[in-house]
Amino acid sequence: MAKTKSLKSVELFAGGGGMALGAHQSGISPILFLEWEKNSCETLRRNSQSSFGLPATRILETDIRVFNVDQIPEAFDVLVGGPPCQPFSIGGKKNGHEDVRDLFPEYIRVLSKTKPKAFLIENVKGITSNRFKDYIEYVHLQLEHIDGCPQSDGDWQKQLPRLRKLSSKSPKIIQCC
């Protein structure tokens, strides 16, 4: 019987490795973790050297806003990540896209440049509130039309109508939550 090829992943906003562990237990092998927070990187290092179950993986300790996708060492299949939740958290100030910690645009930038076979993205329940309804629709539409999304000007309100028009011509459906 032929051995099944393991999927390879890159994980953005890796934190201490919780999502990576779940992905690894599901047969996805990480090739790179990207995390800027020093203590989280140390936790990743310790978790990959222990019986925790996380394989030894390259950790790139840097801010995603300066990350160059050319630093990814090889082709991969799945982009994994959970952008910071504070902009959308019920316990936070709920500044959404106006919060400097809103890094959904950076996740989408990496996704659009690398074009893996699949992606996994997660965030807090608060992002589904009415307050962020238009913004999360914009994020969904960008994910649905990854090749047709200008990333640079940052004015998502101006891009949303165009993406809605694109979406009306597309059979794709993205489910959330």
Protein backbone atom coordinates (compact mmCIF):
# COMPACT_ATOMS: atom_id res chain seq x y z
CA MET A 1 0.00 0.00 0.00
CA ALA A 2 1.36 3.45 -0.93
CA LYS A 3 2.16 5.82 1.89
CA THR A 4 0.00 8.94 2.01
CA LYS A 5 1.97 12.14 1.46
CA SER A 6 1.88 14.46 4.46
CA LEU A 7 0.65 17.97 3.84
CA LYS A 8 3.13 20.74 4.70
CA SER A 9 2.09 23.95 6.42
CA VAL A 10 3.31 27.43 7.23
CA GLU A 11 1.78 28.93 10.36
CA LEU A 12 1.41 32.68 10.83
CA PHE A 13 0.72 34.14 14.30
CA ALA A 14 1.90 30.80 15.70
CA GLY A 15 1.64 31.75 19.38
CA GLY A 16 2.66 28.84 21.59
CA GLY A 17 1.76 26.23 18.98
CA GLY A 18 -1.79 25.17 19.85
CA MET A 19 -3.14 25.32 16.30
CA ALA A 20 0.09 23.77 15.02
CA LEU A 21 -0.31 20.82 17.36
CA GLY A 22 -3.89 20.23 16.22
CA ALA A 23 -2.87 20.51 12.57
CA HIS A 24 0.08 18.16 13.16
CA GLN A 25 -2.16 15.60 14.86
CA SER A 26 -4.37 15.79 11.76
CA GLY A 27 -1.44 14.91 9.50
CA ILE A 28 -0.20 18.37 8.56
CA SER A 29 3.56 18.86 9.05
CA PRO A 30 4.71 22.41 9.80
CA ILE A 31 7.77 23.69 7.92
CA LEU A 32 7.78 27.24 9.33
CA PHE A 33 6.30 29.13 12.27
CA LEU A 34 6.07 32.91 12.10
CA GLU A 35 5.62 34.68 15.43
CA TRP A 36 6.88 38.04 16.66
CA GLU A 37 6.22 37.77 20.40
CA LYS A 38 9.39 36.64 22.21
CA ASN A 39 7.71 34.56 24.94
CA SER A 40 5.53 32.76 22.41
CA CYS A 41 8.62 31.92 20.35
CA GLU A 42 10.30 30.51 23.45
CA THR A 43 7.20 28.42 24.17
CA LEU A 44 7.29 27.12 20.58
CA ARG A 45 10.95 26.17 21.00
CA ARG A 46 10.28 24.33 24.24
CA ASN A 47 7.19 22.61 22.87
CA SER A 48 9.13 21.32 19.87
CA GLN A 49 11.87 19.91 22.14
CA SER A 50 9.54 18.12 24.54
CA SER A 51 7.09 15.27 24.52
CA PHE A 52 4.37 17.84 23.73
CA GLY A 53 4.15 16.38 20.24
CA LEU A 54 5.12 19.38 18.14
CA PRO A 55 7.87 18.53 15.63
CA ALA A 56 11.08 20.57 15.48
CA THR A 57 10.27 23.35 13.04
CA ARG A 58 12.00 26.55 11.94
CA ILE A 59 10.73 29.54 13.93
CA LEU A 60 10.98 32.94 12.32
CA GLU A 61 10.74 35.55 15.07
CA THR A 62 9.61 38.64 13.19
CA ASP A 63 6.72 41.03 12.59
CA ILE A 64 4.50 39.78 9.78
CA ARG A 65 4.32 43.32 8.39
CA VAL A 66 8.00 43.04 7.36
CA PHE A 67 7.90 39.34 6.48
CA ASN A 68 9.00 38.49 2.95
CA VAL A 69 7.36 35.34 1.58
CA ASP A 70 10.68 34.48 -0.06
CA GLN A 71 11.78 33.44 3.44
CA ILE A 72 9.55 30.36 3.19
CA PRO A 73 12.08 27.58 2.57
CA GLU A 74 9.98 25.33 0.33
CA ALA A 75 6.60 24.74 -1.24
CA PHE A 76 3.77 24.06 1.19
CA ASP A 77 0.14 22.99 1.06
CA VAL A 78 -1.70 24.77 3.89
CA LEU A 79 -1.43 28.29 5.33
CA VAL A 80 -2.52 28.22 8.98
CA GLY A 81 -3.05 31.18 11.28
CA GLY A 82 -5.17 33.15 13.65
CA PRO A 83 -4.60 36.90 13.31
CA PRO A 84 -4.63 38.79 16.63
CA CYS A 85 -8.10 38.77 18.17
CA GLN A 86 -7.90 41.94 20.30
CA PRO A 87 -9.41 44.22 17.60
CA PHE A 88 -12.55 42.06 17.54
CA SER A 89 -12.71 40.60 21.03
CA ILE A 90 -15.77 41.20 23.21
CA GLY A 91 -13.35 42.04 26.04
CA GLY A 92 -11.37 44.54 23.96
CA LYS A 93 -12.04 48.04 22.65
CA LYS A 94 -13.58 46.60 19.47
CA ASN A 95 -11.74 48.95 17.09
CA GLY A 96 -11.75 46.31 14.35
CA HIS A 97 -9.95 47.31 11.18
CA GLU A 98 -8.91 50.61 12.78
CA ASP A 99 -6.80 48.77 15.37
CA VAL A 100 -3.11 48.45 14.41
CA ARG A 101 -3.31 44.82 15.55
CA ASP A 102 -5.78 43.96 12.78
CA LEU A 103 -3.52 41.71 10.75
CA PHE A 104 -6.08 40.07 8.49
CA PRO A 105 -4.64 42.11 5.58
CA GLU A 106 -1.21 40.58 6.27
CA TYR A 107 -2.59 37.03 6.33
CA ILE A 108 -4.32 37.72 3.01
CA ARG A 109 -1.11 39.24 1.59
CA VAL A 110 0.86 36.07 2.38
CA LEU A 111 -1.98 33.87 1.11
CA SER A 112 -2.22 35.76 -2.19
CA LYS A 113 1.53 35.56 -2.81
CA THR A 114 1.99 31.90 -1.87
CA LYS A 115 -1.25 30.37 -3.16
CA PRO A 116 -1.26 27.14 -1.14
CA LYS A 117 -3.81 24.39 -1.81
CA ALA A 118 -5.75 25.28 1.34
CA PHE A 119 -5.83 27.66 4.26
CA LEU A 120 -7.06 27.61 7.84
CA ILE A 121 -7.83 30.88 9.58
CA GLU A 122 -9.50 31.39 12.95
CA ASN A 123 -10.51 34.23 15.23
CA VAL A 124 -12.82 35.08 18.13
CA LYS A 125 -16.62 34.97 18.02
CA GLY A 126 -16.74 38.77 18.41
CA ILE A 127 -15.65 39.20 14.80
CA THR A 128 -19.09 37.95 13.73
CA SER A 129 -20.92 40.76 15.55
CA ASN A 130 -22.96 43.30 13.57
CA ARG A 131 -20.33 45.92 14.33
CA PHE A 132 -17.85 44.14 12.04
CA LYS A 133 -20.37 42.72 9.54
CA ASP A 134 -19.12 44.67 6.50
CA TYR A 135 -15.46 44.17 7.36
CA ILE A 136 -15.75 40.41 7.83
CA GLU A 137 -17.70 40.24 4.56
CA TYR A 138 -14.79 42.09 2.95
CA VAL A 139 -12.31 39.58 4.44
CA HIS A 140 -14.44 36.65 3.19
CA LEU A 141 -14.67 38.16 -0.29
CA GLN A 142 -10.92 38.73 -0.39
CA LEU A 143 -10.36 35.10 0.53
CA GLU A 144 -12.87 34.01 -2.11
CA HIS A 145 -11.29 36.17 -4.83
CA ILE A 146 -7.67 36.07 -3.71
CA ASP A 147 -6.31 36.83 -7.19
CA GLY A 148 -8.51 39.88 -7.71
CA CYS A 149 -7.75 41.80 -4.53
CA PRO A 150 -5.57 44.86 -4.43
CA GLN A 151 -3.88 44.80 -1.03
CA SER A 152 -1.91 47.99 -0.92
CA ASP A 153 -4.18 51.00 -0.51
CA GLY A 154 -5.87 49.67 2.62
CA ASP A 155 -9.22 51.36 1.97
CA TRP A 156 -11.40 48.30 2.28
CA GLN A 157 -14.65 50.31 2.15
CA LYS A 158 -13.85 51.33 -1.44
CA GLN A 159 -12.95 47.75 -2.43
CA LEU A 160 -16.03 46.10 -0.91
CA PRO A 161 -18.55 47.04 -3.67
CA ARG A 162 -16.22 45.69 -6.38
CA LEU A 163 -15.72 42.44 -4.48
CA ARG A 164 -19.48 42.09 -3.96
CA LYS A 165 -19.94 42.43 -7.71
CA LEU A 166 -17.27 39.77 -8.34
CA SER A 167 -18.91 37.51 -5.78
CA SER A 168 -22.32 37.75 -7.42
CA LYS A 169 -20.77 36.07 -10.48
CA SER A 170 -19.10 33.31 -8.49
CA PRO A 171 -20.57 30.04 -7.20
CA LYS A 172 -18.11 29.89 -4.28
CA ILE A 173 -19.48 29.95 -0.75
CA ILE A 174 -17.38 30.55 2.32
CA GLN A 175 -18.75 29.36 5.62
CA CYS A 176 -17.83 30.96 8.91
CA CYS A 177 -18.11 29.85 12.50
